[in-house]
Amino acid sequence: METVRERYVVNERGKKIGVILSLKRYRRLLEDLHDLAVIAERRDEEPISLEEMKRRLKEDELL
């Protein structure tokens, strides 16, 4: 498990104005944001059954 050490960028008054993240952590956060955006975008869609999803995937030759 990765230990997260927060490192901040501060202005001349000592106020936190930014944060430094590892690229790995940054990419994971971007992926999480994308996933949340997709969920929000699709929240009003009607759910389909597993059988229907399998049928569609077979129809599209993806399964």
C-alpha atoms as a PDB file:
ATOM      1  CA  MET A   1       0.000   0.000   0.000  1.00  0.00           C
ATOM      2  CA  GLU A   2       1.236   3.448  -0.923  1.00  0.00           C
ATOM      3  CA  THR A   3       1.815   5.963   1.850  1.00  0.00           C
ATOM      4  CA  VAL A   4       0.478   9.374   0.879  1.00  0.00           C
ATOM      5  CA  ARG A   5       2.584  12.266   2.059  1.00  0.00           C
ATOM      6  CA  GLU A   6       0.971  15.543   1.287  1.00  0.00           C
ATOM      7  CA  ARG A   7       3.310  18.256   0.097  1.00  0.00           C
ATOM      8  CA  TYR A   8       1.965  21.725  -0.346  1.00  0.00           C
ATOM      9  CA  VAL A   9       3.010  24.777  -2.303  1.00  0.00           C
ATOM     10  CA  VAL A  10       2.676  27.900  -0.172  1.00  0.00           C
ATOM     11  CA  ASN A  11       2.740  31.575  -1.027  1.00  0.00           C
ATOM     12  CA  GLU A  12       4.930  34.176   0.672  1.00  0.00           C
ATOM     13  CA  ARG A  13       2.401  34.414   3.520  1.00  0.00           C
ATOM     14  CA  GLY A  14       2.498  30.674   4.172  1.00  0.00           C
ATOM     15  CA  LYS A  15      -0.995  30.089   2.752  1.00  0.00           C
ATOM     16  CA  LYS A  16      -1.415  26.753   0.964  1.00  0.00           C
ATOM     17  CA  ILE A  17      -2.046  27.433  -2.711  1.00  0.00           C
ATOM     18  CA  GLY A  18      -1.246  24.081  -4.314  1.00  0.00           C
ATOM     19  CA  VAL A  19      -0.355  20.478  -3.707  1.00  0.00           C
ATOM     20  CA  ILE A  20       2.268  18.174  -5.148  1.00  0.00           C
ATOM     21  CA  LEU A  21       1.114  14.648  -6.010  1.00  0.00           C
ATOM     22  CA  SER A  22       2.953  11.671  -7.416  1.00  0.00           C
ATOM     23  CA  LEU A  23       2.059  10.961 -11.036  1.00  0.00           C
ATOM     24  CA  LYS A  24       0.616   7.616  -9.973  1.00  0.00           C
ATOM     25  CA  ARG A  25      -1.727   9.291  -7.452  1.00  0.00           C
ATOM     26  CA  TYR A  26      -2.656  12.060  -9.918  1.00  0.00           C
ATOM     27  CA  ARG A  27      -3.551   9.550 -12.631  1.00  0.00           C
ATOM     28  CA  ARG A  28      -5.684   7.527 -10.187  1.00  0.00           C
ATOM     29  CA  LEU A  29      -7.549  10.683  -9.170  1.00  0.00           C
ATOM     30  CA  LEU A  30      -8.171  11.585 -12.822  1.00  0.00           C
ATOM     31  CA  GLU A  31      -9.480   8.075 -13.469  1.00  0.00           C
ATOM     32  CA  ASP A  32     -11.783   8.332 -10.446  1.00  0.00           C
ATOM     33  CA  LEU A  33     -13.073  11.704 -11.662  1.00  0.00           C
ATOM     34  CA  HIS A  34     -13.742  10.259 -15.108  1.00  0.00           C
ATOM     35  CA  ASP A  35     -15.614   7.294 -13.614  1.00  0.00           C
ATOM     36  CA  LEU A  36     -17.749   9.629 -11.488  1.00  0.00           C
ATOM     37  CA  ALA A  37     -18.520  11.802 -14.527  1.00  0.00           C
ATOM     38  CA  VAL A  38     -19.678   8.739 -16.493  1.00  0.00           C
ATOM     39  CA  ILE A  39     -21.866   7.619 -13.583  1.00  0.00           C
ATOM     40  CA  ALA A  40     -23.421  11.079 -13.268  1.00  0.00           C
ATOM     41  CA  GLU A  41     -23.993  11.270 -17.019  1.00  0.00           C
ATOM     42  CA  ARG A  42     -25.757   7.903 -17.097  1.00  0.00           C
ATOM     43  CA  ARG A  43     -27.687   8.004 -13.822  1.00  0.00           C
ATOM     44  CA  ASP A  44     -31.059   8.458 -15.542  1.00  0.00           C
ATOM     45  CA  GLU A  45     -30.634   5.452 -17.841  1.00  0.00           C
ATOM     46  CA  GLU A  46     -32.793   2.425 -17.252  1.00  0.00           C
ATOM     47  CA  PRO A  47     -30.826  -0.568 -15.972  1.00  0.00           C
ATOM     48  CA  ILE A  48     -30.698  -3.717 -18.079  1.00  0.00           C
ATOM     49  CA  SER A  49     -30.389  -7.339 -17.022  1.00  0.00           C
ATOM     50  CA  LEU A  50     -27.192  -9.340 -17.271  1.00  0.00           C
ATOM     51  CA  GLU A  51     -28.840 -11.515 -19.897  1.00  0.00           C
ATOM     52  CA  GLU A  52     -29.690  -8.452 -22.004  1.00  0.00           C
ATOM     53  CA  MET A  53     -26.121  -7.175 -21.696  1.00  0.00           C
ATOM     54  CA  LYS A  54     -24.747 -10.552 -22.797  1.00  0.00           C
ATOM     55  CA  ARG A  55     -27.151 -10.586 -25.748  1.00  0.00           C
ATOM     56  CA  ARG A  56     -25.998  -7.147 -26.847  1.00  0.00           C
ATOM     57  CA  LEU A  57     -22.325  -8.058 -26.515  1.00  0.00           C
ATOM     58  CA  LYS A  58     -22.838 -11.226 -28.561  1.00  0.00           C
ATOM     59  CA  GLU A  59     -24.778  -9.243 -31.156  1.00  0.00           C
ATOM     60  CA  ASP A  60     -21.828  -6.841 -31.439  1.00  0.00           C
ATOM     61  CA  GLU A  61     -19.427  -9.815 -31.534  1.00  0.00           C
ATOM     62  CA  LEU A  62     -17.725  -8.624 -28.356  1.00  0.00           C
ATOM     63  CA  LEU A  63     -18.502 -11.778 -26.408  1.00  0.00           C
END
